[in-house]
Amino acid sequence: MYLKHGLITMAAAIALAGAAPVPALAADPEFALGIEGHRFAPAELEVPAGQKLRLVIENRDPTPEEFESYDLNREKIVPANGRIVVFVGPLKPGRYEFFGEFNPATARGWLVAR
């Protein structure tokens, strides 16, 4: 059956009428890390346990760095004077080490999930 001014069939109209609205998804909590002088700041960042997280990492140095973590299973280049986004979690409570592979002696830090 067609509606008078459209090409919607009765089955399609019933399907559309019964469709429930889709709730908007909440954004993942966002946390910022900076790289300056080949060091992460803050060197220790507290984050909520049990949630997926969005880390925004901004490199203020004129050279690239690599955000790497064996604990988090992540590895990504942060361009000189650039920024990246890394998603992690949900994490169990604990300390998760990360480091800059290009400057591992100075670029070190921890996510502390509570």
N, C-alpha and C. Protein backbone atom coordinates (compact mmCIF):
# COMPACT_ATOMS: atom_id res chain seq x y z
N MET A 1 0.84 -1.17 0.00
CA MET A 1 0.00 0.00 0.00
C MET A 1 0.90 1.25 0.00
N TYR A 2 0.58 2.20 -0.82
CA TYR A 2 1.34 3.45 -0.92
C TYR A 2 0.55 4.58 -0.28
N LEU A 3 1.25 5.49 0.37
CA LEU A 3 0.59 6.67 0.91
C LEU A 3 0.24 7.60 -0.23
N LYS A 4 -0.69 8.48 0.00
CA LYS A 4 -1.18 9.35 -1.05
C LYS A 4 -0.08 10.16 -1.71
N HIS A 5 0.87 10.75 -0.94
CA HIS A 5 1.88 11.62 -1.53
C HIS A 5 3.29 11.08 -1.35
N GLY A 6 3.46 9.80 -1.19
CA GLY A 6 4.80 9.27 -1.00
C GLY A 6 4.90 7.84 -1.47
N LEU A 7 6.07 7.33 -1.41
CA LEU A 7 6.31 5.96 -1.85
C LEU A 7 6.66 5.06 -0.67
N ILE A 8 6.16 5.37 0.50
CA ILE A 8 6.44 4.56 1.68
C ILE A 8 5.41 3.43 1.74
N THR A 9 5.90 2.22 1.83
CA THR A 9 4.98 1.09 1.94
C THR A 9 4.49 1.00 3.37
N MET A 10 3.42 0.27 3.56
CA MET A 10 2.85 0.10 4.90
C MET A 10 3.89 -0.54 5.82
N ALA A 11 4.63 -1.54 5.35
CA ALA A 11 5.64 -2.21 6.18
C ALA A 11 6.72 -1.22 6.62
N ALA A 12 7.14 -0.37 5.69
CA ALA A 12 8.17 0.62 6.04
C ALA A 12 7.62 1.63 7.04
N ALA A 13 6.39 2.05 6.86
CA ALA A 13 5.79 3.01 7.78
C ALA A 13 5.67 2.42 9.18
N ILE A 14 5.29 1.14 9.28
CA ILE A 14 5.18 0.48 10.58
C ILE A 14 6.56 0.35 11.22
N ALA A 15 7.56 -0.01 10.42
CA ALA A 15 8.93 -0.15 10.94
C ALA A 15 9.45 1.18 11.47
N LEU A 16 9.21 2.26 10.72
CA LEU A 16 9.66 3.58 11.16
C LEU A 16 8.92 4.04 12.41
N ALA A 17 7.64 3.76 12.48
CA ALA A 17 6.85 4.19 13.63
C ALA A 17 7.28 3.46 14.90
N GLY A 18 7.72 2.22 14.77
CA GLY A 18 8.11 1.43 15.93
C GLY A 18 9.56 1.59 16.32
N ALA A 19 10.32 2.34 15.54
CA ALA A 19 11.74 2.49 15.85
C ALA A 19 11.92 3.38 17.07
N ALA A 20 12.73 2.90 18.00
CA ALA A 20 13.01 3.68 19.20
C ALA A 20 14.12 4.68 18.91
N PRO A 21 14.07 5.84 19.54
CA PRO A 21 15.16 6.79 19.33
C PRO A 21 16.48 6.22 19.85
N VAL A 22 17.55 6.55 19.19
CA VAL A 22 18.87 6.07 19.58
C VAL A 22 19.47 7.10 20.53
N PRO A 23 19.85 6.67 21.76
CA PRO A 23 20.43 7.65 22.68
C PRO A 23 21.80 8.09 22.21
N ALA A 24 22.14 9.33 22.51
CA ALA A 24 23.47 9.84 22.15
C ALA A 24 24.51 9.17 23.04
N LEU A 25 25.64 8.80 22.47
CA LEU A 25 26.70 8.17 23.23
C LEU A 25 27.49 9.24 23.98
N ALA A 26 27.79 8.96 25.22
CA ALA A 26 28.60 9.89 26.01
C ALA A 26 30.03 9.83 25.51
N ALA A 27 30.67 10.95 25.46
CA ALA A 27 32.06 11.01 25.01
C ALA A 27 32.96 10.37 26.06
N ASP A 28 34.04 9.76 25.59
CA ASP A 28 35.02 9.18 26.49
C ASP A 28 35.68 10.30 27.28
N PRO A 29 35.97 10.08 28.57
CA PRO A 29 36.68 11.11 29.33
C PRO A 29 38.02 11.42 28.67
N GLU A 30 38.37 12.69 28.65
CA GLU A 30 39.59 13.13 27.96
C GLU A 30 40.62 13.64 28.98
N PHE A 31 41.87 13.24 28.76
CA PHE A 31 42.97 13.65 29.61
C PHE A 31 44.12 14.11 28.74
N ALA A 32 44.84 15.14 29.21
CA ALA A 32 45.91 15.74 28.42
C ALA A 32 47.28 15.40 29.00
N LEU A 33 48.20 15.11 28.10
CA LEU A 33 49.61 14.94 28.42
C LEU A 33 50.39 15.87 27.51
N GLY A 34 51.42 16.48 28.05
CA GLY A 34 52.29 17.31 27.24
C GLY A 34 53.68 16.70 27.19
N ILE A 35 54.41 17.06 26.14
CA ILE A 35 55.83 16.69 26.02
C ILE A 35 56.58 17.99 25.83
N GLU A 36 57.51 18.24 26.74
CA GLU A 36 58.33 19.45 26.63
C GLU A 36 59.68 19.17 27.28
N GLY A 37 60.76 19.53 26.59
CA GLY A 37 62.09 19.23 27.10
C GLY A 37 62.33 17.74 27.18
N HIS A 38 61.69 16.98 26.28
CA HIS A 38 61.80 15.52 26.22
C HIS A 38 61.32 14.85 27.50
N ARG A 39 60.29 15.46 28.12
CA ARG A 39 59.67 14.91 29.33
C ARG A 39 58.15 15.00 29.18
N PHE A 40 57.46 14.02 29.75
CA PHE A 40 56.00 14.06 29.79
C PHE A 40 55.56 14.89 30.99
N ALA A 41 54.52 15.68 30.80
CA ALA A 41 53.96 16.47 31.89
C ALA A 41 52.44 16.37 31.82
N PRO A 42 51.81 15.93 32.87
CA PRO A 42 52.42 15.49 34.10
C PRO A 42 53.06 14.11 33.93
N ALA A 43 54.04 13.81 34.77
CA ALA A 43 54.71 12.51 34.70
C ALA A 43 53.83 11.41 35.28
N GLU A 44 52.88 11.80 36.12
CA GLU A 44 51.91 10.84 36.68
C GLU A 44 50.53 11.45 36.52
N LEU A 45 49.66 10.70 35.85
CA LEU A 45 48.32 11.20 35.54
C LEU A 45 47.29 10.24 36.10
N GLU A 46 46.44 10.73 37.00
CA GLU A 46 45.41 9.90 37.59
C GLU A 46 44.19 9.89 36.68
N VAL A 47 43.68 8.66 36.41
CA VAL A 47 42.53 8.48 35.53
C VAL A 47 41.55 7.52 36.19
N PRO A 48 40.28 7.55 35.80
CA PRO A 48 39.32 6.64 36.40
C PRO A 48 39.49 5.21 35.87
N ALA A 49 39.42 4.26 36.77
CA ALA A 49 39.46 2.85 36.38
C ALA A 49 38.11 2.46 35.80
N GLY A 50 38.11 1.45 34.96
CA GLY A 50 36.87 0.90 34.44
C GLY A 50 36.22 1.67 33.31
N GLN A 51 36.92 2.63 32.73
CA GLN A 51 36.35 3.43 31.64
C GLN A 51 37.33 3.51 30.48
N LYS A 52 36.80 3.59 29.28
CA LYS A 52 37.63 3.88 28.12
C LYS A 52 38.05 5.34 28.22
N LEU A 53 39.31 5.65 27.89
CA LEU A 53 39.85 6.99 28.03
C LEU A 53 40.40 7.50 26.71
N ARG A 54 40.35 8.80 26.57
CA ARG A 54 40.93 9.47 25.41
C ARG A 54 42.10 10.31 25.94
N LEU A 55 43.33 9.96 25.52
CA LEU A 55 44.52 10.73 25.89
C LEU A 55 44.88 11.63 24.72
N VAL A 56 44.97 12.93 24.99
CA VAL A 56 45.42 13.89 23.98
C VAL A 56 46.85 14.24 24.36
N ILE A 57 47.78 13.91 23.49
CA ILE A 57 49.20 14.12 23.77
C ILE A 57 49.73 15.19 22.83
N GLU A 58 50.20 16.29 23.42
CA GLU A 58 50.71 17.42 22.65
C GLU A 58 52.21 17.51 22.83
N ASN A 59 52.94 17.49 21.72
CA ASN A 59 54.39 17.59 21.73
C ASN A 59 54.78 19.04 21.47
N ARG A 60 55.36 19.69 22.46
CA ARG A 60 55.79 21.09 22.32
C ARG A 60 57.26 21.19 21.93
N ASP A 61 57.92 20.05 21.73
CA ASP A 61 59.32 20.03 21.33
C ASP A 61 59.45 20.15 19.81
N PRO A 62 60.60 20.64 19.34
CA PRO A 62 60.82 20.77 17.89
C PRO A 62 61.23 19.45 17.23
N THR A 63 61.23 18.36 18.00
CA THR A 63 61.57 17.04 17.45
C THR A 63 60.43 16.06 17.76
N PRO A 64 60.26 15.04 16.93
CA PRO A 64 59.19 14.08 17.21
C PRO A 64 59.52 13.23 18.43
N GLU A 65 58.49 12.62 18.98
CA GLU A 65 58.63 11.68 20.09
C GLU A 65 57.66 10.54 19.82
N GLU A 66 57.89 9.42 20.47
CA GLU A 66 56.97 8.29 20.32
C GLU A 66 56.37 7.97 21.67
N PHE A 67 55.05 8.00 21.76
CA PHE A 67 54.35 7.57 22.96
C PHE A 67 54.29 6.05 22.88
N GLU A 68 54.90 5.39 23.86
CA GLU A 68 54.91 3.94 23.84
C GLU A 68 54.63 3.41 25.24
N SER A 69 53.87 2.31 25.29
CA SER A 69 53.58 1.67 26.56
C SER A 69 53.37 0.18 26.33
N TYR A 70 54.21 -0.61 26.97
CA TYR A 70 54.00 -2.06 26.94
C TYR A 70 52.78 -2.41 27.79
N ASP A 71 52.60 -1.70 28.91
CA ASP A 71 51.47 -1.96 29.81
C ASP A 71 50.13 -1.70 29.12
N LEU A 72 50.08 -0.65 28.30
CA LEU A 72 48.84 -0.25 27.63
C LEU A 72 48.73 -0.82 26.22
N ASN A 73 49.81 -1.44 25.74
CA ASN A 73 49.85 -1.99 24.38
C ASN A 73 49.57 -0.91 23.33
N ARG A 74 50.29 0.22 23.47
CA ARG A 74 50.13 1.35 22.54
C ARG A 74 51.50 1.85 22.09
N GLU A 75 51.54 2.34 20.86
CA GLU A 75 52.76 2.90 20.28
C GLU A 75 52.34 3.84 19.16
N LYS A 76 52.71 5.11 19.29
CA LYS A 76 52.29 6.08 18.28
C LYS A 76 53.26 7.26 18.27
N ILE A 77 53.65 7.69 17.08
CA ILE A 77 54.54 8.84 16.90
C ILE A 77 53.77 10.13 17.18
N VAL A 78 54.39 11.03 17.94
CA VAL A 78 53.84 12.36 18.17
C VAL A 78 54.74 13.33 17.41
N PRO A 79 54.25 13.91 16.31
CA PRO A 79 55.11 14.79 15.50
C PRO A 79 55.62 16.00 16.30
N ALA A 80 56.72 16.55 15.85
CA ALA A 80 57.24 17.79 16.44
C ALA A 80 56.16 18.86 16.41
N ASN A 81 55.95 19.53 17.53
CA ASN A 81 54.93 20.56 17.64
C ASN A 81 53.55 20.08 17.18
N GLY A 82 53.27 18.80 17.40
CA GLY A 82 52.00 18.23 16.98
C GLY A 82 51.25 17.60 18.13
N ARG A 83 50.12 17.02 17.80
CA ARG A 83 49.30 16.36 18.82
C ARG A 83 48.68 15.12 18.23
N ILE A 84 48.45 14.15 19.11
CA ILE A 84 47.80 12.90 18.73
C ILE A 84 46.74 12.56 19.76
N VAL A 85 45.89 11.61 19.43
CA VAL A 85 44.91 11.07 20.35
C VAL A 85 45.15 9.58 20.44
N VAL A 86 45.16 9.07 21.68
CA VAL A 86 45.33 7.64 21.93
C VAL A 86 44.18 7.21 22.84
N PHE A 87 43.49 6.15 22.46
CA PHE A 87 42.42 5.60 23.29
C PHE A 87 42.97 4.42 24.07
N VAL A 88 42.66 4.35 25.35
CA VAL A 88 43.07 3.23 26.20
C VAL A 88 41.91 2.84 27.10
N GLY A 89 42.01 1.64 27.63
CA GLY A 89 41.04 1.16 28.61
C GLY A 89 39.90 0.39 27.99
N PRO A 90 39.00 0.05 28.90
CA PRO A 90 38.94 0.34 30.32
C PRO A 90 40.10 -0.33 31.07
N LEU A 91 40.62 0.38 32.07
CA LEU A 91 41.76 -0.09 32.83
C LEU A 91 41.33 -0.58 34.21
N LYS A 92 42.01 -1.61 34.68
CA LYS A 92 41.83 -2.06 36.05
C LYS A 92 42.62 -1.10 36.95
N PRO A 93 42.27 -0.97 38.21
CA PRO A 93 43.06 -0.12 39.10
C PRO A 93 44.53 -0.56 39.09
N GLY A 94 45.42 0.43 39.01
CA GLY A 94 46.85 0.13 39.00
C GLY A 94 47.64 1.22 38.32
N ARG A 95 48.97 0.97 38.18
CA ARG A 95 49.90 1.91 37.54
C ARG A 95 50.31 1.34 36.19
N TYR A 96 50.24 2.17 35.16
CA TYR A 96 50.56 1.78 33.80
C TYR A 96 51.66 2.70 33.27
N GLU A 97 52.83 2.13 33.01
CA GLU A 97 53.97 2.93 32.57
C GLU A 97 53.88 3.25 31.08
N PHE A 98 54.33 4.46 30.71
CA PHE A 98 54.52 4.84 29.31
C PHE A 98 55.84 5.58 29.21
N PHE A 99 56.37 5.67 27.99
CA PHE A 99 57.65 6.35 27.81
C PHE A 99 57.76 6.85 26.38
N GLY A 100 58.72 7.74 26.17
CA GLY A 100 59.04 8.23 24.84
C GLY A 100 60.20 7.40 24.31
N GLU A 101 59.97 6.65 23.28
CA GLU A 101 61.01 5.74 22.79
C GLU A 101 62.24 6.48 22.27
N PHE A 102 62.07 7.73 21.81
CA PHE A 102 63.22 8.47 21.29
C PHE A 102 64.08 9.07 22.40
N ASN A 103 63.50 9.24 23.59
CA ASN A 103 64.21 9.80 24.75
C ASN A 103 63.81 9.03 26.01
N PRO A 104 64.08 7.73 26.07
CA PRO A 104 63.57 6.92 27.19
C PRO A 104 64.16 7.28 28.55
N ALA A 105 65.34 7.92 28.58
CA ALA A 105 65.93 8.28 29.87
C ALA A 105 65.17 9.40 30.55
N THR A 106 64.54 10.29 29.79
CA THR A 106 63.85 11.44 30.38
C THR A 106 62.34 11.41 30.18
N ALA A 107 61.87 10.88 29.06
CA ALA A 107 60.44 10.89 28.74
C ALA A 107 59.79 9.62 29.31
N ARG A 108 59.37 9.69 30.56
CA ARG A 108 58.74 8.56 31.24
C ARG A 108 57.55 9.06 32.04
N GLY A 109 56.57 8.20 32.18
CA GLY A 109 55.42 8.57 32.99
C GLY A 109 54.54 7.37 33.30
N TRP A 110 53.46 7.64 34.08
CA TRP A 110 52.54 6.59 34.50
C TRP A 110 51.12 7.10 34.48
N LEU A 111 50.22 6.26 34.00
CA LEU A 111 48.78 6.46 34.21
C LEU A 111 48.45 5.69 35.48
N VAL A 112 47.76 6.33 36.40
CA VAL A 112 47.36 5.67 37.65
C VAL A 112 45.83 5.59 37.62
N ALA A 113 45.33 4.38 37.44
CA ALA A 113 43.89 4.16 37.37
C ALA A 113 43.36 3.86 38.77
N ARG A 114 42.37 4.64 39.19
CA ARG A 114 41.74 4.45 40.52
C ARG A 114 40.24 4.31 40.37
